[in-house]
């Protein structure tokens, strides 16, 4: 993923979801992330990154457990959490960094 720098260097919060299709906790986050994306609209971005297809990036960011959620804004990591989160929590955090 050579364009990683471009992905995270936005003036809006970018929520990255590191997942795999074989991890049930990752899969159960998919509808939650759809809700988050719908709620934040153009005030943020939600990007799913398959760890199996992006091993180097996952290693570089020391992704150890799935799902791992990271929020970047202007290229800077603002928030990071491993494990499942609910939509309202994520929407609130995204809105906090959107302003």
Protein backbone atom coordinates (compact mmCIF):
# COMPACT_ATOMS: atom_id res chain seq x y z
CA UNK A 1 0.00 0.00 0.00
CA UNK A 2 2.31 2.71 -1.28
CA UNK A 3 -0.37 5.37 -1.07
CA UNK A 4 -0.77 5.00 2.70
CA UNK A 5 0.66 8.47 3.31
CA UNK A 6 -1.90 9.98 0.94
CA UNK A 7 -4.74 8.06 2.63
CA UNK A 8 -4.02 9.41 6.10
CA UNK A 9 -2.89 12.92 5.19
CA UNK A 10 -6.37 14.39 4.98
CA UNK A 11 -7.90 17.33 6.83
CA UNK A 12 -10.73 15.08 8.03
CA UNK A 13 -10.42 12.13 10.43
CA UNK A 14 -9.65 8.83 8.69
CA UNK A 15 -10.71 5.69 10.54
CA UNK A 16 -8.66 2.66 9.51
CA UNK A 17 -10.04 -0.78 10.29
CA UNK A 18 -7.41 -3.50 10.19
CA UNK A 19 -9.22 -6.81 9.74
CA UNK A 20 -9.19 -10.29 8.18
CA UNK A 21 -12.12 -12.18 6.71
CA UNK A 22 -11.41 -15.20 8.94
CA UNK A 23 -11.54 -13.25 12.22
CA UNK A 24 -15.12 -13.25 13.55
CA UNK A 25 -14.61 -10.05 15.57
CA UNK A 26 -13.34 -8.29 12.44
CA UNK A 27 -16.31 -9.48 10.40
CA UNK A 28 -18.81 -8.41 13.07
CA UNK A 29 -17.40 -4.86 12.81
CA UNK A 30 -18.34 -4.50 9.10
CA UNK A 31 -21.96 -3.32 9.68
CA UNK A 32 -20.80 -1.06 12.52
CA UNK A 33 -18.28 0.62 10.21
CA UNK A 34 -20.94 1.07 7.52
CA UNK A 35 -23.04 2.90 10.10
CA UNK A 36 -20.07 5.07 11.11
CA UNK A 37 -19.30 5.94 7.48
CA UNK A 38 -22.95 6.87 6.86
CA UNK A 39 -23.11 9.00 10.01
CA UNK A 40 -19.91 11.00 9.42
CA UNK A 41 -20.53 11.47 5.69
CA UNK A 42 -17.97 13.81 4.12
CA UNK A 43 -16.65 14.91 7.54
CA UNK A 44 -14.56 11.75 7.78
CA UNK A 45 -13.48 8.62 5.99
CA UNK A 46 -13.64 4.93 6.90
CA UNK A 47 -11.13 2.63 5.23
CA UNK A 48 -10.92 -1.13 5.73
CA UNK A 49 -7.48 -2.70 5.37
CA UNK A 50 -7.18 -6.47 5.00
CA UNK A 51 -4.14 -7.49 7.05
CA UNK A 52 -3.63 -10.63 4.93
CA UNK A 53 -3.15 -8.44 1.83
CA UNK A 54 -1.18 -5.68 3.59
CA UNK A 55 1.27 -7.54 5.81
CA UNK A 56 4.05 -4.95 5.61
CA UNK A 57 1.77 -2.11 6.67
CA UNK A 58 0.30 -4.18 9.52
CA UNK A 59 3.82 -5.05 10.70
CA UNK A 60 4.98 -1.43 10.44
CA UNK A 61 2.03 -0.30 12.57
CA UNK A 62 2.50 -3.24 14.98
CA UNK A 63 -1.00 -4.60 14.50
CA UNK A 64 -1.17 -7.51 16.95
CA UNK A 65 -4.88 -8.17 17.48
CA UNK A 66 -7.93 -7.81 15.28
CA UNK A 67 -9.80 -5.73 14.69
CA UNK A 68 -7.50 -2.77 15.33
CA UNK A 69 -8.97 0.66 14.68
CA UNK A 70 -6.81 3.73 14.18
CA UNK A 71 -7.85 7.32 13.50
CA UNK A 72 -5.49 9.64 11.63
CA UNK A 73 -5.91 13.29 10.81
CA UNK A 74 -3.42 15.36 8.78
CA UNK A 75 -1.10 12.35 8.72
CA UNK A 76 -0.96 12.09 12.51
CA UNK A 77 -2.28 9.21 14.60
CA UNK A 78 -4.94 10.59 16.94
CA UNK A 79 -6.53 7.46 18.42
CA UNK A 80 -5.97 3.70 18.43
CA UNK A 81 -7.90 0.81 19.93
CA UNK A 82 -7.94 -2.95 19.46
CA UNK A 83 -11.13 -4.96 19.75
CA UNK A 84 -14.73 -4.38 18.83
CA UNK A 85 -16.25 -0.93 19.32
CA UNK A 86 -19.83 0.21 18.97
CA UNK A 87 -20.93 2.65 16.28
CA UNK A 88 -21.89 5.45 18.68
CA UNK A 89 -18.46 5.43 20.32
CA UNK A 90 -16.68 5.56 16.96
CA UNK A 91 -19.00 8.26 15.59
CA UNK A 92 -18.36 10.37 18.70
CA UNK A 93 -14.60 10.02 18.38
CA UNK A 94 -14.72 10.82 14.66
CA UNK A 95 -16.82 13.93 15.32
CA UNK A 96 -14.39 15.02 18.04
CA UNK A 97 -11.54 15.07 15.52
CA UNK A 98 -13.65 16.48 12.68
CA UNK A 99 -13.78 19.94 14.25
